[in-house]
């Protein structure tokens, strides 16, 4: 009977995770800011056969290692469907992270603790939102969590040498995924402290030669990508390959950490991210801190390793000026694991239940308010929405009804949960909201968010036999195009792209068109002879024929300042 109940509870968790995270899979194309970039790189890998040096258009893409793009390209090769292949790595990574957290909780404490930890992680807003997006972060979170799993299996349940080696190897895979995978190894810092102080249940086994095979496994994982890339870059004689190697190994790693050039935020930035994005689990921290302190005073190494690692990650990412909310995401699984043993007791407290009930009520009221505001038809609100997003006018009414349905569901969930089970109301509301986000939001926003609608209109306007060039383009434009497209660089200044585009267009003016981002339009383009195609991703786009050019395309001081402000820093200023 116990096994049957345990099996039911596990499969309920697994099915809920698959539903919440997987809803909407295959129903949308890549959305900015990062999804189209990675999908485009993966697509060009498949088309060109060059998987070692990723390309974005005609330029090498050296911002991130190619691990995610390899997964996407491989899954497309197997499945033949980009809409599924580009999102599937995030879904699989999220399920793998949940499995690691569940099993680690089960082994370090009890099966029930493992379930609580996985449920807390599944409905943490930060985790669920990122798991439904095709960015690198879900994959690197999985590798870091897998590394933590292997290290903790050895340190707290061992000796378990195979898991020890796997932990180091997974950390290496995290490095060639986003560069920061090594932070999993910071788990050794609190472990060394606990061992030095003689805390029970923890052994490092430093004198065993098998201990030192762990770092070797880490180096082996990194070498899977690093060695062939470096050998090819240094032996090919191509300057662009050497530039790619230098950029990805130095500028995008150590230099980016030490001298961050974007996303500047104050040192306390993550102290605001966690309370706002790790909800609802983070709402219980005021009650958890005294309980954690009592367990640390009893010298329980499980809490020292989990909490110590969380604080080290927080410190590590708080030092540089550049900070984004996703940087701290890898710490969330271990936070939920440290919180899980306390949840059975905390959820029996009346004050905790009232806090969760208040959260559910605020969420319900917000949904109802949004629904009423959209259906009330505030003309100014609708005009701004349509103009900025480039969506159809009837979309606001549809979203209004969806919000009202979700708000009504929240009222029902609160009514049936009762005062002692408000946590079930929270789970119920969030589950339906995420499912609606995937099944309803994905198709509604897809044309405007992915630029599919814009590129379809462009193709219809110029006809099947015309040629198209892109100026000031974004990855989604090239990805969603219905034909081969000519580009003039991606990082290059927009005015230089426009100059080259004009020369290319002049070679066959009757058949060649330029699709130009509105911010890249100069005074040399007569807008009266051009056509504004539409808005996508909050950007206006123009179709420019050859006869629309007048005079020389040299930016004025005002135009150049605007381009630098909107395009950002660029090394190509010649």
Protein backbone atom coordinates (compact mmCIF):
# COMPACT_ATOMS: atom_id res chain seq x y z
CA UNK A 1 0.00 0.00 0.00
CA UNK A 2 2.84 2.39 0.85
CA UNK A 3 4.54 1.63 -2.46
CA UNK A 4 1.29 2.25 -4.32
CA UNK A 5 0.80 5.59 -2.59
CA UNK A 6 4.40 6.60 -3.21
CA UNK A 7 4.08 5.67 -6.86
CA UNK A 8 0.89 7.70 -7.23
CA UNK A 9 2.45 10.75 -5.60
CA UNK A 10 5.55 10.54 -7.78
CA UNK A 11 3.61 10.16 -11.02
CA UNK A 12 1.28 12.99 -10.03
CA UNK A 13 4.35 15.19 -9.66
CA UNK A 14 5.80 13.98 -12.97
CA UNK A 15 2.56 14.49 -14.91
CA UNK A 16 2.01 17.92 -13.37
CA UNK A 17 5.55 18.95 -14.29
CA UNK A 18 5.08 17.73 -17.84
CA UNK A 19 1.77 19.60 -18.11
CA UNK A 20 2.90 22.87 -16.54
CA UNK A 21 6.25 23.13 -18.32
CA UNK A 22 5.36 21.32 -21.54
CA UNK A 23 2.07 23.10 -22.29
CA UNK A 24 2.48 24.98 -25.56
CA UNK A 25 5.34 22.86 -26.89
CA UNK A 26 5.22 23.00 -30.69
CA UNK A 27 2.69 25.87 -30.73
CA UNK A 28 5.05 28.81 -31.21
CA UNK A 29 8.26 29.91 -32.85
CA UNK A 30 11.30 31.36 -31.05
CA UNK A 31 10.65 34.68 -29.27
CA UNK A 32 13.23 37.36 -28.44
CA UNK A 33 15.49 38.18 -26.93
CA UNK A 34 17.67 35.08 -26.98
CA UNK A 35 15.52 32.29 -28.42
CA UNK A 36 15.73 33.31 -32.12
CA UNK A 37 19.49 33.76 -31.80
CA UNK A 38 20.11 30.23 -30.56
CA UNK A 39 17.57 28.68 -32.95
CA UNK A 40 19.13 30.52 -35.90
CA UNK A 41 22.61 29.33 -34.95
CA UNK A 42 21.31 25.75 -34.60
CA UNK A 43 19.54 25.97 -37.96
CA UNK A 44 22.69 27.20 -39.67
CA UNK A 45 24.60 24.32 -38.06
CA UNK A 46 22.24 21.86 -39.71
CA UNK A 47 22.30 23.63 -43.09
CA UNK A 48 26.07 24.20 -43.24
CA UNK A 49 27.32 21.13 -41.42
CA UNK A 50 29.69 23.31 -39.36
CA UNK A 51 28.87 22.45 -35.72
CA UNK A 52 32.16 23.55 -34.20
CA UNK A 53 32.10 27.25 -35.12
CA UNK A 54 28.55 28.62 -34.86
CA UNK A 55 27.39 31.34 -37.24
CA UNK A 56 24.78 34.08 -36.99
CA UNK A 57 24.17 35.01 -40.58
CA UNK A 58 27.59 35.50 -42.14
CA UNK A 59 29.34 36.28 -38.83
CA UNK A 60 30.70 33.87 -36.24
CA UNK A 61 28.67 33.79 -33.04
CA UNK A 62 31.04 33.74 -30.05
CA UNK A 63 28.87 35.03 -27.20
CA UNK A 64 28.09 31.56 -25.80
CA UNK A 65 29.47 28.02 -26.11
CA UNK A 66 27.49 25.88 -28.57
CA UNK A 67 26.07 23.23 -26.19
CA UNK A 68 22.41 24.36 -26.36
CA UNK A 69 22.62 24.84 -30.11
CA UNK A 70 24.04 21.32 -30.46
CA UNK A 71 21.06 19.93 -28.58
CA UNK A 72 18.59 21.90 -30.70
CA UNK A 73 20.26 20.91 -33.96
CA UNK A 74 20.42 17.26 -32.92
CA UNK A 75 16.76 17.17 -31.90
CA UNK A 76 15.76 18.78 -35.19
CA UNK A 77 17.80 16.19 -37.07
CA UNK A 78 15.86 13.47 -35.23
CA UNK A 79 12.39 15.07 -35.12
CA UNK A 80 12.40 17.30 -38.21
CA UNK A 81 10.34 20.01 -36.48
CA UNK A 82 11.92 23.27 -35.33
CA UNK A 83 8.96 24.32 -33.20
CA UNK A 84 9.48 21.25 -31.02
CA UNK A 85 13.25 20.96 -31.30
CA UNK A 86 14.09 24.48 -30.12
CA UNK A 87 12.06 24.17 -26.88
CA UNK A 88 12.58 20.51 -26.06
CA UNK A 89 16.04 20.91 -24.45
CA UNK A 90 14.58 23.28 -21.84
CA UNK A 91 11.72 20.89 -21.07
CA UNK A 92 14.05 17.91 -20.68
CA UNK A 93 16.50 19.94 -18.61
CA UNK A 94 13.73 21.14 -16.27
CA UNK A 95 12.41 17.61 -15.79
CA UNK A 96 15.96 16.42 -15.10
CA UNK A 97 16.47 19.16 -12.52
CA UNK A 98 13.23 18.23 -10.77
CA UNK A 99 14.26 14.56 -10.76
CA UNK A 100 17.63 15.41 -9.16
CA UNK A 101 15.98 17.52 -6.46
CA UNK A 102 13.35 14.87 -5.71
CA UNK A 103 15.83 12.00 -5.45
CA UNK A 104 18.32 14.01 -3.43
CA UNK A 105 15.62 14.99 -0.95
CA UNK A 106 14.55 11.36 -0.74
CA UNK A 107 18.06 10.14 -0.01
CA UNK A 108 19.13 12.91 2.37
CA UNK A 109 15.82 12.93 4.30
CA UNK A 110 12.65 11.08 3.24
CA UNK A 111 10.57 10.48 0.15
CA UNK A 112 8.09 13.07 1.41
CA UNK A 113 10.83 15.69 1.66
CA UNK A 114 11.86 14.93 -1.91
CA UNK A 115 8.29 15.50 -3.08
CA UNK A 116 8.01 18.78 -1.17
CA UNK A 117 11.30 20.00 -2.65
CA UNK A 118 10.25 19.16 -6.21
CA UNK A 119 6.79 20.75 -5.81
CA UNK A 120 8.33 23.92 -4.36
CA UNK A 121 10.76 24.14 -7.28
CA UNK A 122 8.15 23.36 -9.94
CA UNK A 123 5.94 26.27 -8.92
CA UNK A 124 8.69 28.78 -8.16
CA UNK A 125 7.86 31.45 -10.72
CA UNK A 126 11.48 31.97 -11.77
CA UNK A 127 12.05 28.29 -12.51
CA UNK A 128 8.78 27.70 -14.37
CA UNK A 129 9.09 30.80 -16.52
CA UNK A 130 12.64 30.02 -17.61
CA UNK A 131 11.81 26.34 -18.17
CA UNK A 132 9.20 27.36 -20.74
CA UNK A 133 11.74 29.37 -22.71
CA UNK A 134 14.48 28.17 -25.05
CA UNK A 135 17.41 29.88 -23.41
CA UNK A 136 20.68 28.47 -22.12
CA UNK A 137 19.75 28.89 -18.47
CA UNK A 138 17.50 25.81 -18.00
CA UNK A 139 20.25 23.62 -19.45
CA UNK A 140 23.03 25.10 -17.31
CA UNK A 141 20.78 24.86 -14.22
CA UNK A 142 20.35 21.15 -14.94
CA UNK A 143 24.08 20.49 -15.29
CA UNK A 144 24.84 22.46 -12.11
CA UNK A 145 22.08 20.64 -10.21
CA UNK A 146 23.33 17.30 -11.54
CA UNK A 147 26.82 18.24 -10.37
CA UNK A 148 25.44 19.12 -6.93
CA UNK A 149 23.59 15.81 -6.90
CA UNK A 150 26.73 13.81 -7.61
CA UNK A 151 28.86 15.71 -5.08
CA UNK A 152 26.24 15.46 -2.31
CA UNK A 153 25.60 11.76 -2.96
CA UNK A 154 29.29 11.20 -2.29
CA UNK A 155 29.83 13.69 0.53
CA UNK A 156 26.71 12.93 2.58
CA UNK A 157 25.67 9.42 1.50
CA UNK A 158 29.00 7.97 0.41
CA UNK A 159 31.55 7.09 -0.37
CA UNK A 160 29.99 6.93 -3.84
CA UNK A 161 32.84 7.39 -6.28
CA UNK A 162 30.87 7.10 -9.49
CA UNK A 163 28.57 9.90 -8.37
CA UNK A 164 31.58 11.94 -7.30
CA UNK A 165 33.08 11.63 -10.77
CA UNK A 166 29.72 12.37 -12.40
CA UNK A 167 29.40 15.52 -10.29
CA UNK A 168 32.71 16.86 -11.56
CA UNK A 169 31.93 15.79 -15.14
CA UNK A 170 28.52 17.53 -15.01
CA UNK A 171 30.21 20.71 -13.75
CA UNK A 172 32.47 20.54 -16.80
CA UNK A 173 29.46 20.18 -19.09
CA UNK A 174 28.04 23.24 -17.37
CA UNK A 175 31.19 25.15 -18.27
CA UNK A 176 30.85 24.38 -21.98
CA UNK A 177 27.17 25.31 -21.76
CA UNK A 178 27.50 28.80 -20.29
CA UNK A 179 30.88 29.12 -18.65
CA UNK A 180 29.63 29.28 -15.06
CA UNK A 181 29.13 25.56 -14.55
CA UNK A 182 32.16 25.44 -12.26
CA UNK A 183 30.14 27.21 -9.53
CA UNK A 184 28.76 23.78 -8.59
CA UNK A 185 32.23 22.99 -7.24
CA UNK A 186 31.86 25.74 -4.65
CA UNK A 187 29.93 23.07 -2.74
CA UNK A 188 33.36 21.85 -1.65
CA UNK A 189 33.95 25.03 0.39
CA UNK A 190 31.31 24.36 3.09
CA UNK A 191 32.16 20.64 2.86
CA UNK A 192 35.82 21.33 3.72
CA UNK A 193 34.74 23.59 6.59
CA UNK A 194 32.40 20.93 7.99
CA UNK A 195 35.06 18.23 7.68
CA UNK A 196 37.65 20.43 9.37
CA UNK A 197 35.27 21.09 12.27
CA UNK A 198 34.47 17.39 12.63
CA UNK A 199 30.79 17.59 11.75
CA UNK A 200 29.11 14.15 11.55
CA UNK A 201 27.91 12.34 8.41
CA UNK A 202 30.45 13.98 6.14
CA UNK A 203 33.71 12.59 4.79
CA UNK A 204 35.95 13.96 2.03
CA UNK A 205 38.17 10.84 1.63
CA UNK A 206 41.11 12.99 0.56
CA UNK A 207 43.62 10.19 0.97
CA UNK A 208 41.86 7.97 -1.54
CA UNK A 209 43.36 8.30 -5.02
CA UNK A 210 39.84 8.08 -6.48
CA UNK A 211 39.13 11.50 -4.97
CA UNK A 212 41.51 13.13 -7.48
CA UNK A 213 39.84 11.51 -10.47
CA UNK A 214 37.03 14.03 -9.98
CA UNK A 215 39.05 17.02 -11.29
CA UNK A 216 40.19 14.83 -14.16
CA UNK A 217 36.54 14.18 -15.07
CA UNK A 218 35.93 17.95 -15.03
CA UNK A 219 38.83 18.58 -17.41
CA UNK A 220 37.66 15.76 -19.67
CA UNK A 221 34.18 17.27 -19.99
CA UNK A 222 35.54 20.72 -20.84
CA UNK A 223 37.98 19.20 -23.33
CA UNK A 224 35.14 17.63 -25.34
CA UNK A 225 34.52 21.06 -26.88
CA UNK A 226 37.60 23.07 -26.00
CA UNK A 227 40.28 20.86 -27.55
CA UNK A 228 38.83 20.46 -31.06
CA UNK A 229 37.85 24.15 -31.14
CA UNK A 230 41.30 25.40 -30.13
CA UNK A 231 43.14 22.96 -32.40
CA UNK A 232 41.01 23.93 -35.39
CA UNK A 233 41.24 27.67 -34.65
CA UNK A 234 45.04 27.65 -34.28
CA UNK A 235 45.77 25.32 -37.20
CA UNK A 236 43.32 26.67 -39.78
CA UNK A 237 45.18 29.93 -40.36
CA UNK A 238 41.86 31.82 -40.48
CA UNK A 239 41.85 35.09 -38.55
CA UNK A 240 38.10 34.88 -37.86
CA UNK A 241 38.54 31.53 -36.11
CA UNK A 242 41.29 32.94 -33.90
CA UNK A 243 39.12 35.96 -33.12
CA UNK A 244 36.28 33.59 -32.20
CA UNK A 245 38.58 31.61 -29.89
CA UNK A 246 39.92 34.71 -28.14
CA UNK A 247 36.48 36.25 -27.73
CA UNK A 248 34.75 33.21 -26.27
CA UNK A 249 37.64 32.13 -24.03
CA UNK A 250 38.60 35.52 -22.62
CA UNK A 251 36.27 38.42 -23.36
CA UNK A 252 33.00 36.50 -22.80
CA UNK A 253 34.21 34.80 -19.59
CA UNK A 254 36.82 36.36 -17.32
CA UNK A 255 36.63 39.84 -18.84
CA UNK A 256 32.83 39.83 -18.80
CA UNK A 257 32.90 38.94 -15.09
CA UNK A 258 35.64 41.39 -14.09
CA UNK A 259 34.63 44.27 -16.38
CA UNK A 260 30.91 43.90 -17.07
CA UNK A 261 29.82 46.15 -19.93
CA UNK A 262 26.05 45.68 -19.69
CA UNK A 263 23.19 44.95 -17.25
CA UNK A 264 24.74 47.12 -14.52
CA UNK A 265 22.91 46.77 -11.20
CA UNK A 266 23.73 47.51 -7.53
CA UNK A 267 25.34 44.91 -5.27
CA UNK A 268 22.02 44.17 -3.54
CA UNK A 269 20.21 43.45 -6.83
CA UNK A 270 19.66 39.74 -6.12
CA UNK A 271 18.23 40.54 -2.69
CA UNK A 272 15.31 41.95 -4.65
CA UNK A 273 15.23 39.23 -7.30
CA UNK A 274 14.78 36.32 -4.89
CA UNK A 275 11.79 37.67 -2.90
CA UNK A 276 10.03 38.71 -6.12
CA UNK A 277 10.81 35.77 -8.42
CA UNK A 278 11.33 32.78 -6.11
CA UNK A 279 7.77 33.03 -4.86
CA UNK A 280 5.75 31.35 -3.49
CA UNK A 281 8.50 29.30 -1.79
CA UNK A 282 10.46 32.39 -0.74
CA UNK A 283 7.45 33.70 1.21
CA UNK A 284 8.31 31.15 3.91
CA UNK A 285 11.87 32.37 4.47
CA UNK A 286 11.03 34.43 7.62
CA UNK A 287 9.92 31.22 9.34
CA UNK A 288 12.67 29.11 7.76
CA UNK A 289 15.65 31.18 8.96
CA UNK A 290 15.21 30.37 12.70
CA UNK A 291 14.64 26.70 11.86
CA UNK A 292 17.76 26.59 9.69
CA UNK A 293 19.77 28.23 12.46
CA UNK A 294 18.66 25.61 15.00
CA UNK A 295 19.72 22.82 12.67
CA UNK A 296 23.08 24.43 12.00
CA UNK A 297 23.66 24.70 15.73
CA UNK A 298 23.03 20.94 15.91
CA UNK A 299 25.86 20.54 13.36
CA UNK A 300 23.73 19.08 10.58
CA UNK A 301 26.01 19.14 7.51
CA UNK A 302 23.10 18.82 5.08
CA UNK A 303 21.98 22.36 5.84
CA UNK A 304 25.51 23.74 5.97
CA UNK A 305 26.31 22.47 2.48
CA UNK A 306 23.03 23.57 0.90
CA UNK A 307 22.75 26.97 2.57
CA UNK A 308 26.48 27.67 2.42
CA UNK A 309 26.54 26.96 -1.31
CA UNK A 310 23.50 29.21 -1.86
CA UNK A 311 25.23 32.09 -0.05
CA UNK A 312 28.45 31.56 -2.01
CA UNK A 313 26.55 31.71 -5.31
CA UNK A 314 24.82 34.87 -4.13
CA UNK A 315 28.19 36.41 -3.24
CA UNK A 316 29.85 35.29 -6.48
CA UNK A 317 27.27 36.93 -8.73
CA UNK A 318 26.90 40.05 -6.55
CA UNK A 319 30.55 41.09 -7.00
CA UNK A 320 30.56 42.17 -10.69
CA UNK A 321 28.59 45.20 -11.83
CA UNK A 322 26.73 43.21 -14.51
CA UNK A 323 23.79 41.31 -13.07
CA UNK A 324 20.71 39.62 -14.54
CA UNK A 325 18.00 37.75 -12.69
CA UNK A 326 18.88 34.46 -14.41
CA UNK A 327 22.39 34.49 -12.96
CA UNK A 328 21.08 33.45 -9.54
CA UNK A 329 18.68 30.82 -10.93
CA UNK A 330 21.08 27.85 -10.42
CA UNK A 331 20.82 28.38 -6.63
CA UNK A 332 17.03 27.93 -6.61
CA UNK A 333 16.97 24.07 -6.66
CA UNK A 334 19.25 23.82 -3.62
CA UNK A 335 17.23 26.53 -1.86
CA UNK A 336 14.04 24.49 -2.36
CA UNK A 337 15.85 21.38 -1.13
CA UNK A 338 16.96 23.14 2.06
CA UNK A 339 13.42 24.44 2.61
CA UNK A 340 11.63 21.15 1.96
CA UNK A 341 12.25 19.40 5.34
CA UNK A 342 10.61 22.38 7.07
CA UNK A 343 7.51 22.51 4.87
CA UNK A 344 5.38 19.85 6.64
CA UNK A 345 5.63 21.81 9.88
CA UNK A 346 5.41 25.26 8.32
CA UNK A 347 2.28 24.43 6.32
CA UNK A 348 0.51 23.49 9.55
CA UNK A 349 1.03 27.00 10.92
CA UNK A 350 -1.95 29.32 10.70
CA UNK A 351 0.15 32.43 9.97
CA UNK A 352 1.93 30.68 7.12
CA UNK A 353 -1.39 29.63 5.62
CA UNK A 354 -2.68 33.19 5.82
CA UNK A 355 0.39 34.47 4.00
CA UNK A 356 -0.12 31.90 1.23
CA UNK A 357 -3.83 32.71 1.16
CA UNK A 358 -3.02 36.39 0.83
CA UNK A 359 -0.68 35.64 -2.07
CA UNK A 360 -3.36 33.58 -3.81
CA UNK A 361 -5.94 36.32 -3.22
CA UNK A 362 -3.66 39.05 -4.61
CA UNK A 363 -2.94 36.92 -7.66
CA UNK A 364 -6.67 36.34 -8.15
CA UNK A 365 -7.50 40.04 -7.82
CA UNK A 366 -4.72 40.97 -10.23
CA UNK A 367 -6.07 38.57 -12.86
CA UNK A 368 -9.61 39.85 -12.42
CA UNK A 369 -8.40 43.44 -12.60
CA UNK A 370 -6.44 42.82 -15.79
CA UNK A 371 -9.42 41.08 -17.36
CA UNK A 372 -11.81 43.90 -16.53
CA UNK A 373 -9.35 46.55 -17.74
CA UNK A 374 -8.91 44.82 -21.09
CA UNK A 375 -12.62 44.17 -21.62
CA UNK A 376 -13.55 47.70 -20.53
CA UNK A 377 -11.90 48.84 -23.74
CA UNK A 378 -9.76 51.74 -22.60
CA UNK A 379 -8.89 53.17 -26.05
CA UNK A 380 -5.52 54.58 -24.97
CA UNK A 381 -4.44 51.27 -23.45
CA UNK A 382 -5.49 49.30 -26.52
CA UNK A 383 -3.79 51.71 -28.93
CA UNK A 384 -0.51 51.51 -27.02
CA UNK A 385 -0.75 47.73 -26.85
CA UNK A 386 -1.42 47.33 -30.56
CA UNK A 387 1.25 49.85 -31.59
CA UNK A 388 4.03 48.50 -29.35
CA UNK A 389 3.39 44.81 -29.92
CA UNK A 390 2.12 44.83 -33.48
CA UNK A 391 -0.79 42.56 -32.57
CA UNK A 392 -4.31 42.41 -33.92
CA UNK A 393 -6.94 44.62 -32.33
CA UNK A 394 -9.10 41.72 -31.16
CA UNK A 395 -6.31 40.21 -29.07
CA UNK A 396 -6.93 42.39 -26.02
CA UNK A 397 -10.51 41.13 -25.72
CA UNK A 398 -9.34 37.51 -25.94
CA UNK A 399 -6.71 38.07 -23.29
CA UNK A 400 -9.28 39.87 -21.15
CA UNK A 401 -11.54 36.83 -21.15
CA UNK A 402 -8.60 34.53 -20.40
CA UNK A 403 -7.64 36.70 -17.41
CA UNK A 404 -11.24 36.68 -16.16
CA UNK A 405 -11.41 32.89 -16.42
CA UNK A 406 -8.14 32.56 -14.49
CA UNK A 407 -9.35 35.03 -11.85
CA UNK A 408 -12.62 33.12 -11.49
CA UNK A 409 -10.67 29.90 -11.13
CA UNK A 410 -8.69 31.59 -8.38
CA UNK A 411 -11.91 32.41 -6.50
CA UNK A 412 -13.05 28.80 -6.80
CA UNK A 413 -9.65 27.51 -5.65
CA UNK A 414 -9.66 29.77 -2.60
CA UNK A 415 -13.21 28.75 -1.71
CA UNK A 416 -12.55 25.01 -1.91
CA UNK A 417 -9.05 24.96 -0.38
CA UNK A 418 -10.16 26.02 3.10
CA UNK A 419 -8.18 28.06 5.60
CA UNK A 420 -5.77 25.20 6.40
CA UNK A 421 -4.88 24.37 2.79
CA UNK A 422 -4.28 27.65 1.02
CA UNK A 423 -1.12 26.13 -0.46
CA UNK A 424 -3.33 23.98 -2.66
CA UNK A 425 -5.07 27.13 -3.92
CA UNK A 426 -1.67 28.59 -4.84
CA UNK A 427 -0.73 25.42 -6.73
CA UNK A 428 -4.11 25.33 -8.49
CA UNK A 429 -4.00 28.96 -9.65
CA UNK A 430 -0.39 28.84 -10.82
CA UNK A 431 -0.87 25.52 -12.62
CA UNK A 432 -3.81 26.78 -14.68
CA UNK A 433 -2.07 30.10 -15.34
CA UNK A 434 1.04 28.38 -16.74
CA UNK A 435 -1.06 26.01 -18.85
CA UNK A 436 -3.03 28.96 -20.24
CA UNK A 437 0.23 30.80 -20.90
CA UNK A 438 1.41 27.88 -23.03
CA UNK A 439 -1.80 26.81 -24.77
CA UNK A 440 -3.44 30.22 -25.27
CA UNK A 441 -0.65 32.80 -25.06
CA UNK A 442 1.74 31.00 -27.40
CA UNK A 443 -0.49 31.00 -30.51
CA UNK A 444 -1.95 34.45 -29.76
CA UNK A 445 1.38 36.24 -29.51
CA UNK A 446 3.38 34.12 -31.92
CA UNK A 447 3.09 36.15 -35.12
CA UNK A 448 4.08 39.45 -33.50
CA UNK A 449 6.61 38.10 -31.01
CA UNK A 450 8.43 35.79 -33.39
CA UNK A 451 8.27 38.12 -36.43
CA UNK A 452 6.59 35.31 -38.40
CA UNK A 453 3.69 37.62 -39.24
CA UNK A 454 6.00 40.43 -40.34
CA UNK A 455 8.12 38.18 -42.55
CA UNK A 456 5.01 36.58 -44.06
CA UNK A 457 3.62 40.01 -44.96
CA UNK A 458 7.00 40.97 -46.41
CA UNK A 459 7.09 37.86 -48.58
CA UNK A 460 3.56 38.44 -49.80
CA UNK A 461 4.29 42.06 -50.63
CA UNK A 462 7.46 41.57 -52.70
CA UNK A 463 6.36 38.33 -54.38
CA UNK A 464 8.01 34.91 -54.69
CA UNK A 465 10.59 35.92 -57.29
CA UNK A 466 12.00 38.94 -55.49
CA UNK A 467 15.24 39.02 -53.50
CA UNK A 468 15.37 40.41 -49.96
CA UNK A 469 18.15 42.08 -47.99
CA UNK A 470 18.06 42.90 -44.27
CA UNK A 471 19.36 46.07 -42.61
CA UNK A 472 19.34 46.54 -38.85
CA UNK A 473 17.94 43.05 -38.65
CA UNK A 474 17.29 40.82 -35.68
CA UNK A 475 17.75 37.07 -35.58
CA UNK A 476 14.02 36.39 -35.85
CA UNK A 477 13.87 38.17 -39.22
CA UNK A 478 16.44 35.87 -40.78
CA UNK A 479 15.01 32.82 -39.02
CA UNK A 480 11.42 33.45 -40.14
CA UNK A 481 12.15 34.48 -43.72
CA UNK A 482 10.45 32.47 -46.47
CA UNK A 483 13.46 32.69 -48.80
CA UNK A 484 17.27 32.98 -48.79
CA UNK A 485 18.17 36.43 -47.48
CA UNK A 486 21.15 38.71 -48.04
CA UNK A 487 22.64 40.26 -44.90
CA UNK A 488 25.35 42.88 -44.54
CA UNK A 489 26.69 41.96 -41.13
CA UNK A 490 24.95 41.87 -37.78
CA UNK A 491 27.18 43.76 -35.37
CA UNK A 492 28.20 46.35 -37.98
CA UNK A 493 26.79 49.83 -37.65
CA UNK A 494 23.39 50.11 -39.26
CA UNK A 495 24.37 52.95 -41.57
CA UNK A 496 27.16 50.81 -43.02
CA UNK A 497 24.69 47.97 -43.54
CA UNK A 498 22.39 50.42 -45.31
CA UNK A 499 25.21 51.64 -47.54
CA UNK A 500 26.14 48.08 -48.56
CA UNK A 501 22.48 47.19 -48.98
CA UNK A 502 21.99 50.10 -51.36
CA UNK A 503 24.94 48.97 -53.49
CA UNK A 504 23.64 45.39 -53.56
CA UNK A 505 20.16 46.59 -54.48
CA UNK A 506 21.45 48.79 -57.31
CA UNK A 507 22.80 45.70 -59.12
CA UNK A 508 19.23 44.50 -59.77
CA UNK A 509 16.85 47.27 -58.71
CA UNK A 510 13.72 45.74 -60.16
CA UNK A 511 13.92 42.53 -58.10
CA UNK A 512 15.75 43.50 -54.92
CA UNK A 513 14.16 44.95 -51.78
CA UNK A 514 15.55 45.99 -48.42
CA UNK A 515 13.72 45.34 -45.16
CA UNK A 516 15.03 48.05 -42.82
CA UNK A 517 14.43 48.54 -39.12
CA UNK A 518 12.89 51.94 -38.51
CA UNK A 519 15.73 52.97 -36.18
CA UNK A 520 18.21 52.30 -39.02
CA UNK A 521 16.43 54.52 -41.56
CA UNK A 522 18.49 57.56 -42.58
CA UNK A 523 17.40 60.75 -44.30
CA UNK A 524 18.73 59.35 -47.59
CA UNK A 525 15.65 57.09 -47.69
CA UNK A 526 12.44 58.75 -48.91
CA UNK A 527 9.76 57.30 -46.66
CA UNK A 528 7.05 58.45 -49.04
CA UNK A 529 8.37 56.01 -51.64
CA UNK A 530 8.90 53.26 -49.03
CA UNK A 531 6.30 51.10 -47.34
CA UNK A 532 5.91 50.54 -43.62
CA UNK A 533 5.25 46.80 -43.38
CA UNK A 534 4.35 46.64 -39.71
CA UNK A 535 5.56 46.29 -36.13
CA UNK A 536 7.16 43.25 -34.53
CA UNK A 537 8.91 43.01 -31.16
CA UNK A 538 8.22 46.73 -30.57
CA UNK A 539 10.16 47.70 -33.69
CA UNK A 540 8.84 49.27 -36.87
CA UNK A 541 9.97 47.84 -40.23
CA UNK A 542 10.06 49.39 -43.70
CA UNK A 543 10.29 47.91 -47.20
CA UNK A 544 12.61 50.10 -49.22
CA UNK A 545 12.76 49.85 -53.04
CA UNK A 546 15.81 50.99 -54.97
CA UNK A 547 14.20 54.20 -56.24
CA UNK A 548 13.54 55.40 -52.65
CA UNK A 549 17.20 56.37 -52.12
CA UNK A 550 18.23 59.99 -52.57
CA UNK A 551 21.75 61.36 -52.20
CA UNK A 552 24.49 59.77 -50.11
CA UNK A 553 23.67 57.60 -47.11
CA UNK A 554 25.91 59.31 -44.59
CA UNK A 555 24.50 59.72 -41.09
CA UNK A 556 24.29 63.15 -39.56
CA UNK A 557 25.72 63.72 -36.11
CA UNK A 558 22.23 63.37 -34.64
CA UNK A 559 21.55 60.13 -36.55
CA UNK A 560 24.93 58.68 -35.62
CA UNK A 561 24.37 59.45 -31.93
CA UNK A 562 20.94 57.81 -32.10
CA UNK A 563 22.32 54.70 -33.80
CA UNK A 564 25.09 54.36 -31.22
CA UNK A 565 22.57 54.78 -28.42
CA UNK A 566 20.13 52.20 -29.81
CA UNK A 567 22.60 49.71 -31.28
CA UNK A 568 24.99 49.82 -28.35
CA UNK A 569 28.75 49.56 -28.24
CA UNK A 570 30.43 48.26 -31.36
CA UNK A 571 34.08 47.63 -32.15
CA UNK A 572 33.50 48.14 -35.87
CA UNK A 573 33.66 51.91 -36.31
CA UNK A 574 35.75 52.15 -39.48
